[in-house]
């Protein structure tokens, strides 16, 4: 089953808030990345779906074009600098430039483990997709973001601040992404490139698996700590925050982590 089976169209109305902008979203074949891609398209952006599995990316691109939007699906392994550079080049060729890069892709967290028992392959996969890939994307997109005074957005997590028992590698890489976002915001801000992070909680297939397997992050416990007493929707709750951070409405916002979790974490 894919994330699009049984999908209900959003209630958001189309706007031209991002008209003329081209946005790359990694890991956009499902989950939060899917929601962000759809929301950006709803608000007028050309959306480049960079997905590890091309078939899921193609599904998202078709949904966007069926709604009247503009999309390009590309296979991309974000742990490959060649793949990342290829996505940037293809976006420029198709749409004339890149205005925003949203790095959402991350390896599966795996089975719950105490820190001393986390398998090497889990550490390596998460470091590669979340941290090293962040560098590849920043390096490859820099010239375009500088030219177009664009934006770079990390999908991070409150786990990078408060920790994450039984999935410690996730907390580590999300903390590293926050640190990279802060550093890039300071380095690129004077050049006109804005860098921010989004820390979401949304009901996705990946989150459902984590909640089912984890002794701590069950759906009941996650719901209990959420002030609004519901899980976020990737498209209608998380996506509009990305739209805001890309758009000129957030032109004086840089170096921030916007927590979009219904009030579950309030310590930023």
C-alpha atoms as a PDB file:
ATOM      1  CA  UNK A   1       0.000   0.000   0.000  1.00  0.00           C
ATOM      2  CA  UNK A   2       1.327   3.439  -0.914  1.00  0.00           C
ATOM      3  CA  UNK A   3       0.715   6.692   0.965  1.00  0.00           C
ATOM      4  CA  UNK A   4      -1.692   7.776  -1.799  1.00  0.00           C
ATOM      5  CA  UNK A   5      -4.140   4.884  -1.539  1.00  0.00           C
ATOM      6  CA  UNK A   6      -7.323   6.151   0.050  1.00  0.00           C
ATOM      7  CA  UNK A   7      -5.917   9.676   0.089  1.00  0.00           C
ATOM      8  CA  UNK A   8      -8.463  12.435   0.718  1.00  0.00           C
ATOM      9  CA  UNK A   9      -7.855  15.727  -1.148  1.00  0.00           C
ATOM     10  CA  UNK A  10      -6.976  18.662   1.113  1.00  0.00           C
ATOM     11  CA  UNK A  11      -9.235  21.520   2.143  1.00  0.00           C
ATOM     12  CA  UNK A  12      -6.606  24.172   1.375  1.00  0.00           C
ATOM     13  CA  UNK A  13      -7.522  26.434  -1.526  1.00  0.00           C
ATOM     14  CA  UNK A  14      -4.957  27.075  -4.297  1.00  0.00           C
ATOM     15  CA  UNK A  15      -3.050  30.364  -4.195  1.00  0.00           C
ATOM     16  CA  UNK A  16      -0.180  31.917  -6.148  1.00  0.00           C
ATOM     17  CA  UNK A  17       1.933  32.488  -3.030  1.00  0.00           C
ATOM     18  CA  UNK A  18       4.810  30.430  -4.492  1.00  0.00           C
ATOM     19  CA  UNK A  19       4.098  31.119  -8.167  1.00  0.00           C
ATOM     20  CA  UNK A  20       7.271  31.092 -10.249  1.00  0.00           C
ATOM     21  CA  UNK A  21       9.310  29.333  -7.558  1.00  0.00           C
ATOM     22  CA  UNK A  22      10.845  25.896  -7.969  1.00  0.00           C
ATOM     23  CA  UNK A  23      11.063  23.739  -4.861  1.00  0.00           C
ATOM     24  CA  UNK A  24      12.993  20.479  -4.433  1.00  0.00           C
ATOM     25  CA  UNK A  25      11.672  18.112  -1.764  1.00  0.00           C
ATOM     26  CA  UNK A  26      13.708  15.036  -0.848  1.00  0.00           C
ATOM     27  CA  UNK A  27      11.922  11.950   0.380  1.00  0.00           C
ATOM     28  CA  UNK A  28       8.757  13.283  -1.233  1.00  0.00           C
ATOM     29  CA  UNK A  29       7.407   9.882  -2.253  1.00  0.00           C
ATOM     30  CA  UNK A  30       5.529   9.511   1.034  1.00  0.00           C
ATOM     31  CA  UNK A  31       4.851  10.797   4.532  1.00  0.00           C
ATOM     32  CA  UNK A  32       5.723  14.359   5.467  1.00  0.00           C
ATOM     33  CA  UNK A  33       7.680  14.891   2.246  1.00  0.00           C
ATOM     34  CA  UNK A  34       4.596  13.962   0.239  1.00  0.00           C
ATOM     35  CA  UNK A  35       2.467  16.409   2.213  1.00  0.00           C
ATOM     36  CA  UNK A  36       4.952  19.232   1.752  1.00  0.00           C
ATOM     37  CA  UNK A  37       5.258  18.578  -1.983  1.00  0.00           C
ATOM     38  CA  UNK A  38       1.484  18.672  -2.427  1.00  0.00           C
ATOM     39  CA  UNK A  39       1.108  21.818  -0.337  1.00  0.00           C
ATOM     40  CA  UNK A  40       3.846  23.648  -2.253  1.00  0.00           C
ATOM     41  CA  UNK A  41       2.151  22.725  -5.519  1.00  0.00           C
ATOM     42  CA  UNK A  42      -1.215  23.910  -4.198  1.00  0.00           C
ATOM     43  CA  UNK A  43       0.338  27.317  -3.608  1.00  0.00           C
ATOM     44  CA  UNK A  44       1.802  27.592  -7.093  1.00  0.00           C
ATOM     45  CA  UNK A  45       5.329  26.156  -6.926  1.00  0.00           C
ATOM     46  CA  UNK A  46       6.997  23.938  -9.482  1.00  0.00           C
ATOM     47  CA  UNK A  47       7.794  20.883  -7.359  1.00  0.00           C
ATOM     48  CA  UNK A  48      10.717  18.540  -7.930  1.00  0.00           C
ATOM     49  CA  UNK A  49      10.061  15.244  -6.170  1.00  0.00           C
ATOM     50  CA  UNK A  50      13.363  13.618  -5.281  1.00  0.00           C
ATOM     51  CA  UNK A  51      12.538  10.090  -4.164  1.00  0.00           C
ATOM     52  CA  UNK A  52      14.683   7.011  -3.686  1.00  0.00           C
ATOM     53  CA  UNK A  53      11.974   4.900  -5.350  1.00  0.00           C
ATOM     54  CA  UNK A  54      10.984   6.494  -8.645  1.00  0.00           C
ATOM     55  CA  UNK A  55       7.596   4.774  -8.681  1.00  0.00           C
ATOM     56  CA  UNK A  56       6.462   6.601  -5.539  1.00  0.00           C
ATOM     57  CA  UNK A  57       7.776   9.889  -6.884  1.00  0.00           C
ATOM     58  CA  UNK A  58       5.911   9.355 -10.130  1.00  0.00           C
ATOM     59  CA  UNK A  59       2.663   8.829  -8.221  1.00  0.00           C
ATOM     60  CA  UNK A  60       3.080  12.117  -6.387  1.00  0.00           C
ATOM     61  CA  UNK A  61       3.967  13.958  -9.599  1.00  0.00           C
ATOM     62  CA  UNK A  62       0.846  12.583 -11.283  1.00  0.00           C
ATOM     63  CA  UNK A  63      -1.339  13.689  -8.390  1.00  0.00           C
ATOM     64  CA  UNK A  64       0.110  17.194  -8.616  1.00  0.00           C
ATOM     65  CA  UNK A  65      -0.348  17.444 -12.373  1.00  0.00           C
ATOM     66  CA  UNK A  66      -3.864  15.985 -12.144  1.00  0.00           C
ATOM     67  CA  UNK A  67      -4.676  18.891  -9.844  1.00  0.00           C
ATOM     68  CA  UNK A  68      -3.310  21.331 -12.402  1.00  0.00           C
ATOM     69  CA  UNK A  69       0.118  21.806 -10.817  1.00  0.00           C
ATOM     70  CA  UNK A  70       3.648  21.463 -12.169  1.00  0.00           C
ATOM     71  CA  UNK A  71       5.922  18.633 -11.039  1.00  0.00           C
ATOM     72  CA  UNK A  72       9.005  16.656 -11.975  1.00  0.00           C
ATOM     73  CA  UNK A  73       9.772  13.246 -10.480  1.00  0.00           C
ATOM     74  CA  UNK A  74      13.422  12.205 -10.187  1.00  0.00           C
ATOM     75  CA  UNK A  75      15.067   9.173  -8.624  1.00  0.00           C
ATOM     76  CA  UNK A  76      17.543  10.334  -6.016  1.00  0.00           C
ATOM     77  CA  UNK A  77      19.620   8.562  -3.418  1.00  0.00           C
ATOM     78  CA  UNK A  78      20.529  11.493  -1.186  1.00  0.00           C
ATOM     79  CA  UNK A  79      23.615   9.643   0.067  1.00  0.00           C
ATOM     80  CA  UNK A  80      25.093  10.006  -3.434  1.00  0.00           C
ATOM     81  CA  UNK A  81      26.559  13.410  -4.212  1.00  0.00           C
ATOM     82  CA  UNK A  82      26.217  12.610  -7.924  1.00  0.00           C
ATOM     83  CA  UNK A  83      22.484  11.932  -7.539  1.00  0.00           C
ATOM     84  CA  UNK A  84      22.014  15.149  -5.582  1.00  0.00           C
ATOM     85  CA  UNK A  85      23.919  17.222  -8.139  1.00  0.00           C
ATOM     86  CA  UNK A  86      21.899  15.548 -10.890  1.00  0.00           C
ATOM     87  CA  UNK A  87      18.620  16.606  -9.277  1.00  0.00           C
ATOM     88  CA  UNK A  88      19.771  20.221  -9.078  1.00  0.00           C
ATOM     89  CA  UNK A  89      20.856  20.140 -12.732  1.00  0.00           C
ATOM     90  CA  UNK A  90      17.586  18.549 -13.875  1.00  0.00           C
ATOM     91  CA  UNK A  91      15.537  21.117 -11.951  1.00  0.00           C
ATOM     92  CA  UNK A  92      17.454  23.952 -13.604  1.00  0.00           C
ATOM     93  CA  UNK A  93      17.023  22.392 -17.035  1.00  0.00           C
ATOM     94  CA  UNK A  94      13.281  21.868 -16.586  1.00  0.00           C
ATOM     95  CA  UNK A  95      12.252  24.977 -14.664  1.00  0.00           C
ATOM     96  CA  UNK A  96      15.110  27.420 -15.129  1.00  0.00           C
ATOM     97  CA  UNK A  97      16.400  27.465 -11.550  1.00  0.00           C
ATOM     98  CA  UNK A  98      15.973  26.375  -7.935  1.00  0.00           C
ATOM     99  CA  UNK A  99      14.447  28.625  -5.268  1.00  0.00           C
ATOM    100  CA  UNK A 100      14.158  26.269  -2.315  1.00  0.00           C
ATOM    101  CA  UNK A 101      15.535  22.937  -1.127  1.00  0.00           C
ATOM    102  CA  UNK A 102      13.660  20.996   1.543  1.00  0.00           C
ATOM    103  CA  UNK A 103      15.599  18.066   2.985  1.00  0.00           C
ATOM    104  CA  UNK A 104      13.126  15.586   4.398  1.00  0.00           C
ATOM    105  CA  UNK A 105      14.628  12.201   3.493  1.00  0.00           C
ATOM    106  CA  UNK A 106      15.954  10.055   6.323  1.00  0.00           C
ATOM    107  CA  UNK A 107      16.670   6.345   6.753  1.00  0.00           C
ATOM    108  CA  UNK A 108      14.237   4.192   8.785  1.00  0.00           C
ATOM    109  CA  UNK A 109      14.863   4.346  12.522  1.00  0.00           C
ATOM    110  CA  UNK A 110      14.838   0.561  12.769  1.00  0.00           C
ATOM    111  CA  UNK A 111      13.834  -1.546  15.728  1.00  0.00           C
ATOM    112  CA  UNK A 112      13.935   0.078  19.187  1.00  0.00           C
ATOM    113  CA  UNK A 113      17.357  -0.287  20.825  1.00  0.00           C
ATOM    114  CA  UNK A 114      19.147   1.013  23.859  1.00  0.00           C
ATOM    115  CA  UNK A 115      22.068   3.164  22.780  1.00  0.00           C
ATOM    116  CA  UNK A 116      24.798   0.545  23.239  1.00  0.00           C
ATOM    117  CA  UNK A 117      22.916  -1.932  21.027  1.00  0.00           C
ATOM    118  CA  UNK A 118      22.144   0.226  17.999  1.00  0.00           C
ATOM    119  CA  UNK A 119      23.423  -1.682  14.924  1.00  0.00           C
ATOM    120  CA  UNK A 120      26.231  -0.104  12.930  1.00  0.00           C
ATOM    121  CA  UNK A 121      24.090  -0.203   9.810  1.00  0.00           C
ATOM    122  CA  UNK A 122      21.427   1.941  11.506  1.00  0.00           C
ATOM    123  CA  UNK A 123      23.987   4.526  12.597  1.00  0.00           C
ATOM    124  CA  UNK A 124      25.583   4.585   9.159  1.00  0.00           C
ATOM    125  CA  UNK A 125      22.294   4.831   7.258  1.00  0.00           C
ATOM    126  CA  UNK A 126      20.913   7.603   9.422  1.00  0.00           C
ATOM    127  CA  UNK A 127      24.138   9.612   9.407  1.00  0.00           C
ATOM    128  CA  UNK A 128      24.348   9.274   5.630  1.00  0.00           C
ATOM    129  CA  UNK A 129      20.757  10.276   4.832  1.00  0.00           C
ATOM    130  CA  UNK A 130      20.309  12.992   7.455  1.00  0.00           C
ATOM    131  CA  UNK A 131      23.752  14.537   7.956  1.00  0.00           C
ATOM    132  CA  UNK A 132      26.034  13.814   5.010  1.00  0.00           C
ATOM    133  CA  UNK A 133      23.146  14.291   2.571  1.00  0.00           C
ATOM    134  CA  UNK A 134      22.399  17.668   4.139  1.00  0.00           C
ATOM    135  CA  UNK A 135      25.912  18.749   3.223  1.00  0.00           C
ATOM    136  CA  UNK A 136      25.605  17.381  -0.315  1.00  0.00           C
ATOM    137  CA  UNK A 137      22.348  19.266  -0.843  1.00  0.00           C
ATOM    138  CA  UNK A 138      23.703  22.501   0.598  1.00  0.00           C
ATOM    139  CA  UNK A 139      26.856  22.273  -1.499  1.00  0.00           C
ATOM    140  CA  UNK A 140      25.007  21.455  -4.721  1.00  0.00           C
ATOM    141  CA  UNK A 141      22.269  24.075  -4.328  1.00  0.00           C
ATOM    142  CA  UNK A 142      24.354  26.972  -3.002  1.00  0.00           C
ATOM    143  CA  UNK A 143      24.956  28.762  -6.316  1.00  0.00           C
ATOM    144  CA  UNK A 144      21.294  28.605  -7.252  1.00  0.00           C
ATOM    145  CA  UNK A 145      20.065  29.723  -3.843  1.00  0.00           C
ATOM    146  CA  UNK A 146      22.531  32.596  -3.917  1.00  0.00           C
ATOM    147  CA  UNK A 147      21.470  33.671  -7.395  1.00  0.00           C
ATOM    148  CA  UNK A 148      17.756  33.477  -6.623  1.00  0.00           C
ATOM    149  CA  UNK A 149      17.939  34.559  -2.954  1.00  0.00           C
ATOM    150  CA  UNK A 150      16.335  31.299  -1.999  1.00  0.00           C
ATOM    151  CA  UNK A 151      15.664  29.174   1.054  1.00  0.00           C
ATOM    152  CA  UNK A 152      16.920  25.906   2.529  1.00  0.00           C
ATOM    153  CA  UNK A 153      14.704  23.989   4.959  1.00  0.00           C
ATOM    154  CA  UNK A 154      15.609  21.021   7.147  1.00  0.00           C
ATOM    155  CA  UNK A 155      13.001  18.583   8.447  1.00  0.00           C
ATOM    156  CA  UNK A 156      14.341  18.006  11.932  1.00  0.00           C
ATOM    157  CA  UNK A 157      12.668  16.982  15.198  1.00  0.00           C
ATOM    158  CA  UNK A 158      12.213  17.884  18.836  1.00  0.00           C
ATOM    159  CA  UNK A 159      14.091  14.612  19.392  1.00  0.00           C
ATOM    160  CA  UNK A 160      17.209  16.541  18.434  1.00  0.00           C
ATOM    161  CA  UNK A 161      16.754  18.689  21.552  1.00  0.00           C
ATOM    162  CA  UNK A 162      15.121  16.492  24.176  1.00  0.00           C
ATOM    163  CA  UNK A 163      16.579  13.147  23.082  1.00  0.00           C
ATOM    164  CA  UNK A 164      14.861  10.035  21.853  1.00  0.00           C
ATOM    165  CA  UNK A 165      14.939   6.915  24.061  1.00  0.00           C
ATOM    166  CA  UNK A 166      15.126   3.596  22.219  1.00  0.00           C
ATOM    167  CA  UNK A 167      15.787   5.339  18.891  1.00  0.00           C
ATOM    168  CA  UNK A 168      18.912   7.279  19.929  1.00  0.00           C
ATOM    169  CA  UNK A 169      20.436   7.470  16.444  1.00  0.00           C
ATOM    170  CA  UNK A 170      17.406   9.481  15.340  1.00  0.00           C
ATOM    171  CA  UNK A 171      17.901  12.022  18.116  1.00  0.00           C
ATOM    172  CA  UNK A 172      21.592  12.322  17.269  1.00  0.00           C
ATOM    173  CA  UNK A 173      21.136  12.996  13.549  1.00  0.00           C
ATOM    174  CA  UNK A 174      18.278  15.417  14.126  1.00  0.00           C
ATOM    175  CA  UNK A 175      20.438  17.371  16.585  1.00  0.00           C
ATOM    176  CA  UNK A 176      23.208  17.425  13.976  1.00  0.00           C
ATOM    177  CA  UNK A 177      20.797  18.790  11.377  1.00  0.00           C
ATOM    178  CA  UNK A 178      19.730  21.555  13.736  1.00  0.00           C
ATOM    179  CA  UNK A 179      23.366  22.487  14.270  1.00  0.00           C
ATOM    180  CA  UNK A 180      23.994  22.536  10.526  1.00  0.00           C
ATOM    181  CA  UNK A 181      20.893  24.679   9.958  1.00  0.00           C
ATOM    182  CA  UNK A 182      22.062  27.203  12.558  1.00  0.00           C
ATOM    183  CA  UNK A 183      25.538  27.345  11.033  1.00  0.00           C
ATOM    184  CA  UNK A 184      24.248  27.733   7.487  1.00  0.00           C
ATOM    185  CA  UNK A 185      21.805  30.415   8.614  1.00  0.00           C
ATOM    186  CA  UNK A 186      24.693  32.458  10.021  1.00  0.00           C
ATOM    187  CA  UNK A 187      26.939  31.867   7.010  1.00  0.00           C
ATOM    188  CA  UNK A 188      24.333  32.312   4.283  1.00  0.00           C
ATOM    189  CA  UNK A 189      22.099  34.913   5.901  1.00  0.00           C
ATOM    190  CA  UNK A 190      24.322  37.879   5.003  1.00  0.00           C
ATOM    191  CA  UNK A 191      24.219  36.625   1.409  1.00  0.00           C
ATOM    192  CA  UNK A 192      20.429  36.657   1.295  1.00  0.00           C
ATOM    193  CA  UNK A 193      19.781  32.918   1.686  1.00  0.00           C
ATOM    194  CA  UNK A 194      17.424  32.021   4.514  1.00  0.00           C
ATOM    195  CA  UNK A 195      17.840  28.689   6.333  1.00  0.00           C
ATOM    196  CA  UNK A 196      15.260  27.297   8.768  1.00  0.00           C
ATOM    197  CA  UNK A 197      14.026  23.985  10.175  1.00  0.00           C
ATOM    198  CA  UNK A 198      10.643  22.396  10.735  1.00  0.00           C
ATOM    199  CA  UNK A 199      10.152  19.895  13.568  1.00  0.00           C
ATOM    200  CA  UNK A 200       6.873  18.111  12.780  1.00  0.00           C
ATOM    201  CA  UNK A 201       4.669  15.463  14.274  1.00  0.00           C
ATOM    202  CA  UNK A 202       2.351  13.967  11.689  1.00  0.00           C
ATOM    203  CA  UNK A 203       0.499  10.719  11.243  1.00  0.00           C
ATOM    204  CA  UNK A 204       2.446   8.857   8.556  1.00  0.00           C
ATOM    205  CA  UNK A 205       3.056   5.150   7.845  1.00  0.00           C
ATOM    206  CA  UNK A 206       6.605   5.488   9.228  1.00  0.00           C
ATOM    207  CA  UNK A 207       5.345   7.027  12.456  1.00  0.00           C
ATOM    208  CA  UNK A 208       2.720   4.304  12.823  1.00  0.00           C
ATOM    209  CA  UNK A 209       5.414   1.624  12.570  1.00  0.00           C
ATOM    210  CA  UNK A 210       7.565   3.407  15.160  1.00  0.00           C
ATOM    211  CA  UNK A 211       4.621   3.769  17.535  1.00  0.00           C
ATOM    212  CA  UNK A 212       3.755   0.100  17.138  1.00  0.00           C
ATOM    213  CA  UNK A 213       7.297  -1.120  17.846  1.00  0.00           C
ATOM    214  CA  UNK A 214       8.510   1.372  20.447  1.00  0.00           C
ATOM    215  CA  UNK A 215       8.100   0.855  24.203  1.00  0.00           C
ATOM    216  CA  UNK A 216       7.994   4.654  24.647  1.00  0.00           C
ATOM    217  CA  UNK A 217       6.523   6.327  21.560  1.00  0.00           C
ATOM    218  CA  UNK A 218       3.158   4.615  21.409  1.00  0.00           C
ATOM    219  CA  UNK A 219       0.309   6.436  19.681  1.00  0.00           C
ATOM    220  CA  UNK A 220      -1.432   6.833  23.042  1.00  0.00           C
ATOM    221  CA  UNK A 221       1.557   8.494  24.703  1.00  0.00           C
ATOM    222  CA  UNK A 222       2.187  10.716  21.703  1.00  0.00           C
ATOM    223  CA  UNK A 223      -1.443  11.794  21.695  1.00  0.00           C
ATOM    224  CA  UNK A 224      -1.447  12.466  25.446  1.00  0.00           C
ATOM    225  CA  UNK A 225       1.467  14.902  25.180  1.00  0.00           C
ATOM    226  CA  UNK A 226      -0.093  16.780  22.259  1.00  0.00           C
ATOM    227  CA  UNK A 227      -2.020  19.812  23.467  1.00  0.00           C
ATOM    228  CA  UNK A 228      -4.387  19.812  20.485  1.00  0.00           C
ATOM    229  CA  UNK A 229      -5.112  16.107  21.031  1.00  0.00           C
ATOM    230  CA  UNK A 230      -4.680  15.091  17.420  1.00  0.00           C
ATOM    231  CA  UNK A 231      -1.877  14.149  15.078  1.00  0.00           C
ATOM    232  CA  UNK A 232      -0.873  16.512  12.320  1.00  0.00           C
ATOM    233  CA  UNK A 233      -1.750  15.952   8.687  1.00  0.00           C
ATOM    234  CA  UNK A 234       1.334  16.057   6.427  1.00  0.00           C
ATOM    235  CA  UNK A 235      -0.326  18.215   3.791  1.00  0.00           C
ATOM    236  CA  UNK A 236      -2.733  20.490   5.609  1.00  0.00           C
ATOM    237  CA  UNK A 237      -0.812  20.935   8.884  1.00  0.00           C
ATOM    238  CA  UNK A 238       2.886  20.551   8.041  1.00  0.00           C
ATOM    239  CA  UNK A 239       2.950  21.595   4.393  1.00  0.00           C
ATOM    240  CA  UNK A 240       1.653  25.159   4.921  1.00  0.00           C
ATOM    241  CA  UNK A 241       4.511  25.854   7.355  1.00  0.00           C
ATOM    242  CA  UNK A 242       7.000  24.964   4.624  1.00  0.00           C
ATOM    243  CA  UNK A 243       5.073  27.213   2.235  1.00  0.00           C
ATOM    244  CA  UNK A 244       5.339  30.055   4.739  1.00  0.00           C
ATOM    245  CA  UNK A 245       9.094  29.569   5.186  1.00  0.00           C
ATOM    246  CA  UNK A 246       9.655  29.527   1.420  1.00  0.00           C
ATOM    247  CA  UNK A 247       7.480  32.544   0.752  1.00  0.00           C
ATOM    248  CA  UNK A 248       8.236  36.228   1.237  1.00  0.00           C
ATOM    249  CA  UNK A 249       5.855  36.202   4.213  1.00  0.00           C
ATOM    250  CA  UNK A 250       8.793  34.843   6.254  1.00  0.00           C
ATOM    251  CA  UNK A 251      11.432  37.165   4.784  1.00  0.00           C
ATOM    252  CA  UNK A 252      12.727  38.101   8.269  1.00  0.00           C
ATOM    253  CA  UNK A 253      12.793  34.533   9.641  1.00  0.00           C
ATOM    254  CA  UNK A 254      16.174  32.778   9.636  1.00  0.00           C
ATOM    255  CA  UNK A 255      17.975  30.220  11.761  1.00  0.00           C
ATOM    256  CA  UNK A 256      14.776  29.079  13.467  1.00  0.00           C
ATOM    257  CA  UNK A 257      13.236  25.702  14.225  1.00  0.00           C
ATOM    258  CA  UNK A 258       9.462  25.851  13.863  1.00  0.00           C
ATOM    259  CA  UNK A 259       7.896  23.080  15.925  1.00  0.00           C
ATOM    260  CA  UNK A 260       4.675  21.882  14.289  1.00  0.00           C
ATOM    261  CA  UNK A 261       3.458  19.232  16.693  1.00  0.00           C
ATOM    262  CA  UNK A 262       0.160  20.416  18.148  1.00  0.00           C
ATOM    263  CA  UNK A 263       1.810  21.695  21.324  1.00  0.00           C
ATOM    264  CA  UNK A 264       3.638  18.555  22.363  1.00  0.00           C
ATOM    265  CA  UNK A 265       7.012  20.220  22.850  1.00  0.00           C
ATOM    266  CA  UNK A 266       7.371  23.740  24.255  1.00  0.00           C
ATOM    267  CA  UNK A 267      11.021  24.070  25.309  1.00  0.00           C
ATOM    268  CA  UNK A 268      12.511  25.849  22.245  1.00  0.00           C
END
